[in-house]
Amino acid sequence: MSKKFFKIVDGCCAKCGAGEFVSEPNQYDILTFSDGQLQVDHTENINDFKIFCRECGVEVEE
């Protein structure tokens, strides 16, 4: 099943008309346990960048 994308039209979501968008988190921290605590060892980035309408949650593309 193909995923449906909505366009951004005149700066707004084509589905609901909202003008604010959010990105999917594209990084995460790698943690290690040291000295009795979790500590950030390093951060890795995901090359996949997705944008969603903040109001209705649909994935949008420019």
C-alpha atoms as a PDB file:
ATOM      1  CA  MET A   1       0.000   0.000   0.000  1.00  0.00           C
ATOM      2  CA  SER A   2       1.472   3.347  -1.007  1.00  0.00           C
ATOM      3  CA  LYS A   3       1.654   6.103   1.544  1.00  0.00           C
ATOM      4  CA  LYS A   4      -0.377   9.226   0.790  1.00  0.00           C
ATOM      5  CA  PHE A   5       1.476  12.536   0.947  1.00  0.00           C
ATOM      6  CA  PHE A   6      -0.146  15.937   0.941  1.00  0.00           C
ATOM      7  CA  LYS A   7       1.430  18.982  -0.663  1.00  0.00           C
ATOM      8  CA  ILE A   8       2.107  22.297   1.011  1.00  0.00           C
ATOM      9  CA  VAL A   9       0.019  24.817  -0.928  1.00  0.00           C
ATOM     10  CA  ASP A  10       0.607  28.540  -0.368  1.00  0.00           C
ATOM     11  CA  GLY A  11       2.436  27.681   2.865  1.00  0.00           C
ATOM     12  CA  CYS A  12      -0.425  25.598   4.254  1.00  0.00           C
ATOM     13  CA  CYS A  13      -1.290  21.912   4.568  1.00  0.00           C
ATOM     14  CA  ALA A  14      -3.428  20.873   1.599  1.00  0.00           C
ATOM     15  CA  LYS A  15      -5.519  18.590   3.835  1.00  0.00           C
ATOM     16  CA  CYS A  16      -6.477  20.871   6.742  1.00  0.00           C
ATOM     17  CA  GLY A  17      -5.085  24.324   5.895  1.00  0.00           C
ATOM     18  CA  ALA A  18      -2.775  24.604   8.920  1.00  0.00           C
ATOM     19  CA  GLY A  19       0.423  26.590   8.502  1.00  0.00           C
ATOM     20  CA  GLU A  20       2.714  24.900  11.057  1.00  0.00           C
ATOM     21  CA  PHE A  21       4.776  21.798  10.408  1.00  0.00           C
ATOM     22  CA  VAL A  22       7.007  19.547  12.488  1.00  0.00           C
ATOM     23  CA  SER A  23       9.813  17.220  11.534  1.00  0.00           C
ATOM     24  CA  GLU A  24      10.187  13.640  12.632  1.00  0.00           C
ATOM     25  CA  PRO A  25      13.074  13.339  15.060  1.00  0.00           C
ATOM     26  CA  ASN A  26      16.067  12.426  12.897  1.00  0.00           C
ATOM     27  CA  GLN A  27      18.637  11.694  15.573  1.00  0.00           C
ATOM     28  CA  TYR A  28      18.974   9.560  18.650  1.00  0.00           C
ATOM     29  CA  ASP A  29      21.424   9.229  21.503  1.00  0.00           C
ATOM     30  CA  ILE A  30      23.505   6.120  22.186  1.00  0.00           C
ATOM     31  CA  LEU A  31      23.687   5.641  25.946  1.00  0.00           C
ATOM     32  CA  THR A  32      26.088   3.629  28.082  1.00  0.00           C
ATOM     33  CA  PHE A  33      25.873   2.759  31.747  1.00  0.00           C
ATOM     34  CA  SER A  34      28.867   4.139  33.622  1.00  0.00           C
ATOM     35  CA  ASP A  35      29.493   5.017  37.262  1.00  0.00           C
ATOM     36  CA  GLY A  36      25.965   3.906  38.161  1.00  0.00           C
ATOM     37  CA  GLN A  37      24.285   6.208  35.625  1.00  0.00           C
ATOM     38  CA  LEU A  38      23.213   6.290  32.012  1.00  0.00           C
ATOM     39  CA  GLN A  39      25.407   8.674  30.047  1.00  0.00           C
ATOM     40  CA  VAL A  40      25.273   9.833  26.440  1.00  0.00           C
ATOM     41  CA  ASP A  41      28.107   8.128  24.564  1.00  0.00           C
ATOM     42  CA  HIS A  42      27.342   9.762  21.216  1.00  0.00           C
ATOM     43  CA  THR A  43      24.509  10.867  18.946  1.00  0.00           C
ATOM     44  CA  GLU A  44      23.641   9.303  15.585  1.00  0.00           C
ATOM     45  CA  ASN A  45      21.670  10.960  12.803  1.00  0.00           C
ATOM     46  CA  ILE A  46      19.153   9.319  10.508  1.00  0.00           C
ATOM     47  CA  ASN A  47      19.379  10.545   6.912  1.00  0.00           C
ATOM     48  CA  ASP A  48      15.626  10.232   6.395  1.00  0.00           C
ATOM     49  CA  PHE A  49      13.951  13.643   6.884  1.00  0.00           C
ATOM     50  CA  LYS A  50      10.150  13.690   7.096  1.00  0.00           C
ATOM     51  CA  ILE A  51       7.809  16.630   7.647  1.00  0.00           C
ATOM     52  CA  PHE A  52       4.326  16.411   9.154  1.00  0.00           C
ATOM     53  CA  CYS A  53       1.446  18.851   9.534  1.00  0.00           C
ATOM     54  CA  ARG A  54       1.374  19.911  13.175  1.00  0.00           C
ATOM     55  CA  GLU A  55      -2.431  20.143  13.187  1.00  0.00           C
ATOM     56  CA  CYS A  56      -3.646  16.945  11.468  1.00  0.00           C
ATOM     57  CA  GLY A  57      -0.434  14.865  11.473  1.00  0.00           C
ATOM     58  CA  VAL A  58      -0.312  13.920   7.776  1.00  0.00           C
ATOM     59  CA  GLU A  59       3.077  13.637   6.108  1.00  0.00           C
ATOM     60  CA  VAL A  60       3.633  16.510   3.685  1.00  0.00           C
ATOM     61  CA  GLU A  61       6.068  17.188   0.906  1.00  0.00           C
ATOM     62  CA  GLU A  62       6.976  20.477  -0.713  1.00  0.00           C
END
